[in-house]
Amino acid sequence: MSDAFIRLDEAEAFLNANPGVTWIDIVLFDINGMARGKRVRRGDLHGIAKNGLFMPASVYVLDPRGNSIAETGRLWETGDHDIPFRILSGTLKPVPVGARTHAQAIVVPVEFCDMDPRGVLASQVGRLAAVGQKPVAAVELEFYVTRRSADGNFSLVTPPGLSSDPEQPMTFQFEEMDTLGAFIDDIYAIADAQGLPIDAIMQESGPGQFEINLKHSDALSAALDGLLLKRAVKAAARAHNLDATFMAKPHHDWVGSGMHVHVSLTDKQGENLFAGDPMPPIFRHAIGGLCATMPDFMAIWAQSANAYRRYVPECYVPMSAHWGFNNRTVAVRVPAASGPATRVEHRVSGADANPFLVVAAILAGIQYGITNAIDPGHHAEGNAEELNGSALPTAWVNALEKFRTSHVVRDAFGAPFQDVYFKLKQTERIGFERIVTSLDYAWYAQVA
């Protein structure tokens, strides 16, 4: 699968149409789904559009704090070499908030890079294309909006005018959205300027928590849309002296934030392969593969220490690999839709996960199920939490070990990516878990 890079005439047309833009963020997304890159001046765009730019290969394997992780084997052993990047055509867009002086452009490697999460997804899309199938996807993201603190450090304090009581979450009401109307308007303004297919927004079940849905598109575009939506939300928040976080579990007493992904497969004529009554075998096998491989990819669905705090009972967060029809207690839900809209909704991931890897893992599960004709068994009815089933590894250490040893992961993502991702996250886990916190003192110091 080859990418179309920006041409000089596209760059020139953008500059002519946006005379107020003085700074352009040149962005790639690392393994964590975090934006990395360089901020360049307006006058430098021509040279980058023509010749590209170089960044170190290690930019993909930084930890969330921006540290280079030697344990990955991708630092000293490789000489930390530079690799060439080019701007992806169609991604040079303005960020129309604040002084409106900023824009952004997404860059991708010119050559194959085995640590590029977008490339991992492109590989899964290519495998499906080889058998005449095209994945269609859409991302839903939940997030919290908070006051911005004076010192710039994150604090979970609900903005003025919003409920701060988890017993009064205002779910599906409009008052909270009215209060933050200017902020929400700016999210949609950025989306319009950047061509992001934003659909509905709703008040979720936590204080200051919202959900935004994106419309369906091809899998690569859908995953990128999810990442760009995060940037749009954060940019709009900054413009209104707010913070927005996609942290999976920002408060122990408040509901977590998830990433739900809707996926279907179409044939070469664009017909939905999952549609039909009774359910076509290919759809059952796809669901079977998703359920069978779900533990293998748990380290993708939950990529941080905090993400595992989200897996608690009675929060619509699945902890076992059940599937069902129009049932929000299951991990793989078949929504109440038919015909071209028939799809699965994957409900496991935290909002902090990397959409490129989340969608890639979903497609890998679907392919595995179809290839091996895996039947998912009977669908769950009622509360799936009360049913026996294949439990997910909801402790980070167990999820990483399952990922490290999984032949499904190795086949889908490649042995190098599997090895580096494990080492990157294992190093992060060990570093996080070695810290003694105030809770250790409160619970154990005087009774030990």
Protein backbone atom coordinates (compact mmCIF):
# COMPACT_ATOMS: atom_id res chain seq x y z
CA MET A 1 0.00 0.00 0.00
CA SER A 2 1.65 3.23 -1.15
CA ASP A 3 0.96 6.67 0.31
CA ALA A 4 0.41 9.87 -1.62
CA PHE A 5 2.76 12.60 -0.44
CA ILE A 6 2.09 16.32 -0.58
CA ARG A 7 3.11 18.19 -3.72
CA LEU A 8 4.41 21.73 -3.94
CA ASP A 9 1.19 23.00 -5.50
CA GLU A 10 -0.83 21.62 -2.55
CA ALA A 11 1.49 23.35 -0.08
CA GLU A 12 1.37 26.61 -2.04
CA ALA A 13 -2.43 26.52 -2.25
CA PHE A 14 -2.62 26.02 1.51
CA LEU A 15 -0.35 28.99 2.25
CA ASN A 16 -2.32 31.22 -0.12
CA ALA A 17 -5.60 30.20 1.51
CA ASN A 18 -4.26 30.68 5.05
CA PRO A 19 -2.16 33.88 5.10
CA GLY A 20 -2.39 34.14 8.89
CA VAL A 21 -0.69 30.80 9.54
CA THR A 22 2.86 31.33 10.76
CA TRP A 23 3.64 28.00 12.44
CA ILE A 24 3.07 24.44 11.24
CA ASP A 25 3.33 21.36 13.47
CA ILE A 26 4.89 18.45 11.58
CA VAL A 27 3.38 15.47 13.39
CA LEU A 28 3.84 11.72 13.57
CA PHE A 29 2.22 9.38 16.08
CA ASP A 30 4.43 7.05 18.10
CA ILE A 31 3.66 3.61 19.53
CA ASN A 32 1.75 5.23 22.41
CA GLY A 33 -0.38 7.24 19.97
CA MET A 34 1.31 10.44 21.17
CA ALA A 35 2.02 13.26 18.73
CA ARG A 36 5.74 13.83 18.17
CA GLY A 37 7.51 16.02 15.68
CA LYS A 38 8.73 19.52 14.91
CA ARG A 39 7.20 22.99 14.71
CA VAL A 40 8.37 24.85 11.60
CA ARG A 41 7.91 28.34 10.24
CA ARG A 42 5.65 29.13 7.34
CA GLY A 43 8.58 29.75 5.02
CA ASP A 44 10.02 26.28 5.66
CA LEU A 45 6.97 24.46 4.30
CA HIS A 46 8.10 24.55 0.66
CA GLY A 47 11.36 22.78 1.41
CA ILE A 48 9.67 20.11 3.54
CA ALA A 49 6.97 19.56 0.93
CA LYS A 50 9.64 19.11 -1.72
CA ASN A 51 12.32 17.18 0.15
CA GLY A 52 10.72 15.84 3.31
CA LEU A 53 12.59 15.87 6.62
CA PHE A 54 14.51 13.52 8.86
CA MET A 55 13.79 12.39 12.41
CA PRO A 56 15.43 9.69 14.53
CA ALA A 57 13.92 6.22 14.31
CA SER A 58 13.82 6.15 18.12
CA VAL A 59 11.02 8.74 18.05
CA TYR A 60 8.59 5.84 17.70
CA VAL A 61 9.76 4.05 20.86
CA LEU A 62 9.71 6.82 23.46
CA ASP A 63 7.80 6.27 26.67
CA PRO A 64 4.85 8.57 27.53
CA ARG A 65 7.20 10.94 29.37
CA GLY A 66 9.44 11.31 26.32
CA ASN A 67 12.31 9.11 27.49
CA SER A 68 14.35 7.03 25.07
CA ILE A 69 14.11 3.43 26.28
CA ALA A 70 17.37 1.55 25.82
CA GLU A 71 15.73 -1.75 26.78
CA THR A 72 13.97 -1.81 23.40
CA GLY A 73 17.26 -2.45 21.64
CA ARG A 74 16.46 0.39 19.25
CA LEU A 75 18.79 3.03 20.64
CA TRP A 76 22.52 2.34 21.06
CA GLU A 77 22.50 -0.88 19.04
CA THR A 78 21.16 0.87 15.94
CA GLY A 79 23.11 4.12 16.30
CA ASP A 80 19.72 5.83 16.59
CA HIS A 81 19.75 6.51 12.87
CA ASP A 82 17.56 9.08 11.10
CA ILE A 83 14.79 8.04 8.76
CA PRO A 84 13.15 10.17 6.06
CA PHE A 85 9.55 11.38 6.40
CA ARG A 86 7.17 13.06 3.97
CA ILE A 87 3.93 14.95 4.54
CA LEU A 88 0.87 12.82 3.82
CA SER A 89 -1.25 14.48 1.16
CA GLY A 90 -4.51 15.91 2.45
CA THR A 91 -3.32 16.32 6.05
CA LEU A 92 -1.96 19.89 5.90
CA LYS A 93 -4.75 21.70 7.73
CA PRO A 94 -5.28 24.83 9.85
CA VAL A 95 -6.02 24.77 13.58
CA PRO A 96 -8.58 27.59 13.71
CA VAL A 97 -8.62 28.50 17.41
CA GLY A 98 -7.01 31.26 19.44
CA ALA A 99 -4.87 33.53 17.29
CA ARG A 100 -5.36 31.16 14.31
CA THR A 101 -1.66 31.21 13.55
CA HIS A 102 -1.11 27.45 13.68
CA ALA A 103 -1.57 24.54 11.32
CA GLN A 104 -0.54 20.90 11.30
CA ALA A 105 0.55 18.24 8.84
CA ILE A 106 0.94 14.49 9.33
CA VAL A 107 4.16 12.84 8.20
CA VAL A 108 4.77 9.17 7.48
CA PRO A 109 8.00 7.26 6.79
CA VAL A 110 9.13 7.24 3.17
CA GLU A 111 10.38 3.70 3.59
CA PHE A 112 9.08 0.75 5.60
CA CYS A 113 9.59 1.18 9.34
CA ASP A 114 8.72 -1.83 11.49
CA MET A 115 7.97 0.37 14.53
CA ASP A 116 5.45 2.62 12.75
CA PRO A 117 1.98 1.90 14.24
CA ARG A 118 0.29 3.24 11.13
CA GLY A 119 2.33 0.77 9.11
CA VAL A 120 1.17 -2.05 11.40
CA LEU A 121 -2.43 -1.13 10.59
CA ALA A 122 -1.66 -0.74 6.88
CA SER A 123 -0.32 -4.30 6.90
CA GLN A 124 -3.61 -5.65 8.28
CA VAL A 125 -5.57 -3.66 5.71
CA GLY A 126 -3.32 -5.06 2.99
CA ARG A 127 -3.92 -8.63 4.11
CA LEU A 128 -7.66 -8.15 3.86
CA ALA A 129 -7.32 -6.44 0.49
CA ALA A 130 -5.45 -9.47 -0.81
CA VAL A 131 -8.62 -11.56 -0.36
CA GLY A 132 -10.98 -8.89 -1.70
CA GLN A 133 -12.11 -7.43 1.64
CA LYS A 134 -12.05 -3.81 2.81
CA PRO A 135 -12.47 -2.83 6.47
CA VAL A 136 -14.69 0.12 7.33
CA ALA A 137 -14.35 1.60 10.81
CA ALA A 138 -15.40 4.40 13.13
CA VAL A 139 -14.01 5.51 16.49
CA GLU A 140 -15.91 6.78 19.53
CA LEU A 141 -13.93 8.55 22.26
CA GLU A 142 -14.79 9.55 25.81
CA PHE A 143 -12.89 12.27 27.67
CA TYR A 144 -13.02 14.55 30.72
CA VAL A 145 -12.89 18.34 30.66
CA THR A 146 -11.28 20.05 33.67
CA ARG A 147 -10.18 23.47 34.83
CA ARG A 148 -6.65 24.43 33.83
CA SER A 149 -4.46 24.94 36.89
CA ALA A 150 -2.34 28.06 37.33
CA ASP A 151 0.93 26.10 37.36
CA GLY A 152 0.08 24.06 34.27
CA ASN A 153 -0.02 20.73 36.14
CA PHE A 154 -3.06 18.55 35.56
CA SER A 155 -5.80 18.67 38.18
CA LEU A 156 -9.17 16.95 38.03
CA VAL A 157 -11.40 19.89 38.94
CA THR A 158 -14.71 20.21 37.10
CA PRO A 159 -15.15 23.53 35.25
CA PRO A 160 -17.54 26.11 36.77
CA GLY A 161 -21.19 25.45 36.01
CA LEU A 162 -20.78 21.67 35.64
CA SER A 163 -21.81 19.03 38.14
CA SER A 164 -18.92 17.71 40.21
CA ASP A 165 -21.02 15.05 41.90
CA PRO A 166 -20.66 11.52 40.48
CA GLU A 167 -24.13 10.79 41.88
CA GLN A 168 -25.49 13.52 39.56
CA PRO A 169 -23.70 12.84 36.28
CA MET A 170 -26.25 14.57 34.00
CA THR A 171 -26.00 11.70 31.51
CA PHE A 172 -27.57 12.48 28.12
CA GLN A 173 -28.62 15.95 29.33
CA PHE A 174 -27.88 19.23 27.58
CA GLU A 175 -27.08 21.65 30.41
CA GLU A 176 -23.40 20.68 30.58
CA MET A 177 -22.98 21.09 26.83
CA ASP A 178 -24.70 24.48 26.98
CA THR A 179 -22.26 25.60 29.67
CA LEU A 180 -19.26 24.55 27.55
CA GLY A 181 -20.88 25.62 24.30
CA ALA A 182 -18.01 27.84 23.12
CA PHE A 183 -15.48 25.05 23.74
CA ILE A 184 -17.62 22.52 21.87
CA ASP A 185 -18.14 24.98 19.00
CA ASP A 186 -14.36 25.24 18.63
CA ILE A 187 -13.99 21.45 18.48
CA TYR A 188 -16.43 21.39 15.59
CA ALA A 189 -14.75 24.39 13.95
CA ILE A 190 -11.42 22.57 13.97
CA ALA A 191 -13.10 19.41 12.69
CA ASP A 192 -14.73 21.31 9.82
CA ALA A 193 -11.43 22.95 8.85
CA GLN A 194 -9.60 19.63 8.95
CA GLY A 195 -12.26 17.46 7.35
CA LEU A 196 -12.76 15.33 10.45
CA PRO A 197 -16.07 13.44 10.13
CA ILE A 198 -17.39 14.26 13.61
CA ASP A 199 -20.90 13.06 14.33
CA ALA A 200 -22.70 13.51 17.66
CA ILE A 201 -21.48 14.72 21.03
CA MET A 202 -23.11 13.72 24.31
CA GLN A 203 -22.74 14.23 28.04
CA GLU A 204 -21.39 11.00 29.51
CA SER A 205 -21.72 9.53 32.99
CA GLY A 206 -18.86 11.26 34.79
CA PRO A 207 -18.55 14.87 36.02
CA GLY A 208 -17.38 16.87 33.02
CA GLN A 209 -17.18 13.74 30.86
CA PHE A 210 -18.23 13.77 27.19
CA GLU A 211 -18.25 11.42 24.23
CA ILE A 212 -17.73 12.31 20.58
CA ASN A 213 -18.48 9.90 17.74
CA LEU A 214 -16.76 9.86 14.37
CA LYS A 215 -18.44 8.69 11.18
CA HIS A 216 -17.32 5.59 9.32
CA SER A 217 -14.48 5.62 6.81
CA ASP A 218 -11.73 3.28 5.65
CA ALA A 219 -9.71 1.79 8.51
CA LEU A 220 -6.54 3.85 8.06
CA SER A 221 -8.48 7.11 7.85
CA ALA A 222 -10.71 6.15 10.80
CA ALA A 223 -7.74 5.50 13.09
CA LEU A 224 -6.04 8.76 12.06
CA ASP A 225 -9.34 10.58 12.60
CA GLY A 226 -9.37 9.30 16.18
CA LEU A 227 -5.90 10.70 16.84
CA LEU A 228 -6.70 14.02 15.17
CA LEU A 229 -9.90 14.29 17.19
CA LYS A 230 -7.84 14.06 20.38
CA ARG A 231 -5.65 16.92 19.16
CA ALA A 232 -8.71 18.96 18.20
CA VAL A 233 -10.31 18.50 21.63
CA LYS A 234 -7.10 19.45 23.42
CA ALA A 235 -6.52 22.50 21.19
CA ALA A 236 -10.07 23.72 21.81
CA ALA A 237 -9.65 23.18 25.54
CA ARG A 238 -6.46 25.25 25.67
CA ALA A 239 -8.19 28.07 23.81
CA HIS A 240 -10.75 28.25 26.64
CA ASN A 241 -8.31 27.86 29.54
CA LEU A 242 -9.44 24.28 30.09
CA ASP A 243 -7.74 20.89 30.01
CA ALA A 244 -9.07 17.76 28.35
CA THR A 245 -7.85 14.29 29.18
CA PHE A 246 -8.36 10.93 27.50
CA MET A 247 -6.87 9.19 30.54
CA ALA A 248 -8.69 5.89 30.95
CA LYS A 249 -9.51 6.27 34.68
CA PRO A 250 -8.85 9.78 36.00
CA HIS A 251 -10.68 9.23 39.31
CA HIS A 252 -11.31 6.07 41.31
CA ASP A 253 -14.94 7.00 42.04
CA TRP A 254 -15.79 8.28 38.54
CA VAL A 255 -16.46 6.19 35.45
CA GLY A 256 -13.58 5.58 33.11
CA SER A 257 -13.17 6.77 29.53
CA GLY A 258 -13.21 4.22 26.73
CA MET A 259 -12.58 3.97 23.02
CA HIS A 260 -15.27 2.02 21.19
CA VAL A 261 -14.53 0.99 17.62
CA HIS A 262 -17.16 0.01 15.05
CA VAL A 263 -15.96 -2.26 12.23
CA SER A 264 -17.43 -4.00 9.21
CA LEU A 265 -16.03 -5.61 6.06
CA THR A 266 -17.10 -4.87 2.50
CA ASP A 267 -16.38 -6.73 -0.73
CA LYS A 268 -14.95 -5.23 -3.93
CA GLN A 269 -18.40 -3.93 -4.87
CA GLY A 270 -18.80 -2.19 -1.53
CA GLU A 271 -21.39 -4.64 -0.21
CA ASN A 272 -21.32 -5.30 3.54
CA LEU A 273 -20.08 -8.86 4.09
CA PHE A 274 -21.52 -8.92 7.61
CA ALA A 275 -25.09 -8.16 6.47
CA GLY A 276 -27.73 -10.84 6.22
CA ASP A 277 -30.37 -12.76 8.12
CA PRO A 278 -29.46 -15.29 9.35
CA MET A 279 -26.01 -14.05 10.29
CA PRO A 280 -23.53 -14.99 7.54
CA PRO A 281 -20.78 -17.46 8.51
CA ILE A 282 -18.09 -14.84 7.78
CA PHE A 283 -19.64 -12.55 10.40
CA ARG A 284 -19.84 -15.31 13.01
CA HIS A 285 -16.24 -16.30 12.30
CA ALA A 286 -15.09 -12.67 12.57
CA ILE A 287 -16.74 -12.40 15.99
CA GLY A 288 -15.27 -15.76 16.97
CA GLY A 289 -11.79 -14.51 16.10
CA LEU A 290 -12.28 -11.28 18.02
CA CYS A 291 -13.30 -13.19 21.15
CA ALA A 292 -10.58 -15.82 20.80
CA THR A 293 -7.74 -13.31 20.37
CA MET A 294 -8.95 -10.67 22.82
CA PRO A 295 -6.58 -11.73 25.66
CA ASP A 296 -3.63 -11.70 23.22
CA PHE A 297 -4.12 -8.00 22.48
CA MET A 298 -5.06 -6.83 25.97
CA ALA A 299 -1.76 -4.94 26.21
CA ILE A 300 -2.96 -2.90 23.20
CA TRP A 301 -6.46 -2.25 24.56
CA ALA A 302 -4.94 -1.15 27.90
CA GLN A 303 -1.51 0.34 27.26
CA SER A 304 -0.84 2.10 30.58
CA ALA A 305 -0.87 1.42 34.30
CA ASN A 306 -3.86 3.70 34.67
CA ALA A 307 -5.82 1.91 31.93
CA TYR A 308 -6.14 -1.22 34.08
CA ARG A 309 -7.94 0.75 36.80
CA ARG A 310 -10.86 1.12 34.39
CA TYR A 311 -11.74 -2.59 34.48
CA VAL A 312 -14.19 -2.68 37.37
CA PRO A 313 -17.65 -4.28 37.62
CA GLU A 314 -20.89 -2.56 36.69
CA CYS A 315 -19.27 0.19 34.61
CA TYR A 316 -20.03 -1.18 31.12
CA VAL A 317 -16.38 -2.19 30.84
CA PRO A 318 -16.02 -5.81 29.68
CA MET A 319 -13.66 -8.08 31.57
CA SER A 320 -14.33 -11.26 29.60
CA ALA A 321 -14.64 -12.12 25.92
CA HIS A 322 -18.42 -12.31 25.46
CA TRP A 323 -20.42 -11.17 22.44
CA GLY A 324 -24.07 -10.30 22.03
CA PHE A 325 -26.79 -8.46 20.15
CA ASN A 326 -27.59 -4.90 21.26
CA ASN A 327 -26.06 -5.59 24.67
CA ARG A 328 -23.68 -3.09 26.28
CA THR A 329 -22.37 -5.52 28.88
CA VAL A 330 -20.41 -7.54 26.30
CA ALA A 331 -16.96 -6.98 24.79
CA VAL A 332 -18.11 -7.44 21.19
CA ARG A 333 -21.52 -5.93 20.60
CA VAL A 334 -23.60 -6.23 17.45
CA PRO A 335 -25.59 -2.96 17.44
CA ALA A 336 -29.25 -2.78 16.48
CA ALA A 337 -28.66 -2.15 12.79
CA SER A 338 -29.08 -4.10 9.57
CA GLY A 339 -28.11 -4.06 5.92
CA PRO A 340 -25.19 -1.75 5.06
CA ALA A 341 -25.00 -0.59 8.70
CA THR A 342 -24.36 -4.10 10.11
CA ARG A 343 -21.17 -4.06 12.17
CA VAL A 344 -19.43 -5.02 15.38
CA GLU A 345 -18.68 -2.61 18.19
CA HIS A 346 -15.47 -3.43 20.04
CA ARG A 347 -15.85 -2.07 23.58
CA VAL A 348 -12.64 -3.06 25.40
CA SER A 349 -10.09 -0.28 24.81
CA GLY A 350 -9.33 2.62 27.07
CA ALA A 351 -9.52 6.10 25.56
CA ASP A 352 -5.76 6.51 25.99
CA ALA A 353 -4.95 3.63 23.62
CA ASN A 354 -3.43 4.15 20.18
CA PRO A 355 -6.21 3.93 17.53
CA PHE A 356 -3.75 2.70 14.89
CA LEU A 357 -2.86 -0.32 17.04
CA VAL A 358 -6.39 -0.82 18.38
CA VAL A 359 -7.87 -1.04 14.88
CA ALA A 360 -4.95 -3.17 13.69
CA ALA A 361 -5.53 -5.64 16.53
CA ILE A 362 -9.27 -5.77 15.82
CA LEU A 363 -8.60 -6.52 12.16
CA ALA A 364 -6.05 -9.16 13.14
CA GLY A 365 -8.68 -10.85 15.31
CA ILE A 366 -11.24 -10.71 12.51
CA GLN A 367 -8.78 -12.22 10.03
CA TYR A 368 -7.80 -14.93 12.49
CA GLY A 369 -11.43 -15.89 13.02
CA ILE A 370 -12.31 -15.97 9.33
CA THR A 371 -9.15 -17.88 8.35
CA ASN A 372 -9.69 -20.51 11.05
CA ALA A 373 -13.51 -20.60 10.86
CA ILE A 374 -13.84 -19.94 14.59
CA ASP A 375 -17.40 -20.09 15.84
CA PRO A 376 -18.11 -17.67 18.71
CA GLY A 377 -20.67 -19.90 20.39
CA HIS A 378 -24.01 -18.69 21.69
CA HIS A 379 -24.42 -14.98 22.21
CA ALA A 380 -24.67 -13.58 25.72
CA GLU A 381 -28.07 -12.51 27.03
CA GLY A 382 -28.68 -10.25 30.00
CA ASN A 383 -25.73 -9.20 32.14
CA ALA A 384 -22.61 -10.76 30.65
CA GLU A 385 -20.68 -10.00 33.85
CA GLU A 386 -22.65 -12.78 35.54
CA LEU A 387 -21.72 -15.37 32.90
CA ASN A 388 -18.72 -17.65 32.79
CA GLY A 389 -16.36 -16.84 29.98
CA SER A 390 -12.80 -16.31 28.83
CA ALA A 391 -11.48 -13.74 31.32
CA LEU A 392 -9.26 -10.95 30.08
CA PRO A 393 -5.86 -10.40 31.75
CA THR A 394 -6.77 -7.25 33.66
CA ALA A 395 -3.40 -7.02 35.44
CA TRP A 396 -0.77 -5.27 33.32
CA VAL A 397 1.97 -7.80 34.03
CA ASN A 398 -0.24 -10.66 32.81
CA ALA A 399 -1.43 -8.79 29.72
CA LEU A 400 2.16 -8.03 28.70
CA GLU A 401 3.26 -11.63 29.17
CA LYS A 402 0.34 -12.84 27.06
CA PHE A 403 1.27 -10.31 24.36
CA ARG A 404 4.94 -11.34 24.45
CA THR A 405 4.24 -15.04 23.92
CA SER A 406 1.27 -14.83 21.55
CA HIS A 407 1.71 -16.41 18.13
CA VAL A 408 -1.33 -14.44 16.97
CA VAL A 409 0.41 -11.15 17.82
CA ARG A 410 3.64 -12.33 16.21
CA ASP A 411 1.90 -13.26 12.98
CA ALA A 412 -0.13 -10.06 12.82
CA PHE A 413 2.35 -7.43 14.02
CA GLY A 414 5.65 -9.11 13.30
CA ALA A 415 8.23 -10.41 15.77
CA PRO A 416 10.26 -7.14 15.90
CA PHE A 417 7.23 -5.02 16.82
CA GLN A 418 6.02 -7.61 19.33
CA ASP A 419 9.43 -7.66 21.02
CA VAL A 420 9.92 -3.88 21.12
CA TYR A 421 6.38 -3.11 22.28
CA PHE A 422 6.72 -5.62 25.11
CA LYS A 423 10.08 -4.23 26.23
CA LEU A 424 8.88 -0.63 25.98
CA LYS A 425 5.79 -1.28 28.08
CA GLN A 426 7.50 -3.69 30.47
CA THR A 427 10.07 -1.00 31.26
CA GLU A 428 7.25 1.51 31.78
CA ARG A 429 5.40 -0.94 34.05
CA ILE A 430 8.44 -1.67 36.22
CA GLY A 431 9.21 2.03 36.55
CA PHE A 432 5.63 2.87 37.52
CA GLU A 433 5.15 0.05 39.99
CA ARG A 434 8.40 0.68 41.87
CA ILE A 435 7.16 4.06 43.15
CA VAL A 436 5.97 4.04 46.76
CA THR A 437 2.91 6.30 47.05
CA SER A 438 1.09 8.07 49.88
CA LEU A 439 -1.52 5.31 49.72
CA ASP A 440 1.16 2.79 50.72
CA TYR A 441 1.78 4.84 53.86
CA ALA A 442 -1.92 5.35 54.60
CA TRP A 443 -2.81 1.68 54.28
CA TYR A 444 0.28 -0.16 55.46
CA ALA A 445 2.93 1.90 57.27
CA GLN A 446 1.44 1.85 60.77
CA VAL A 447 0.04 -1.66 60.63
CA ALA A 448 3.12 -3.36 59.24
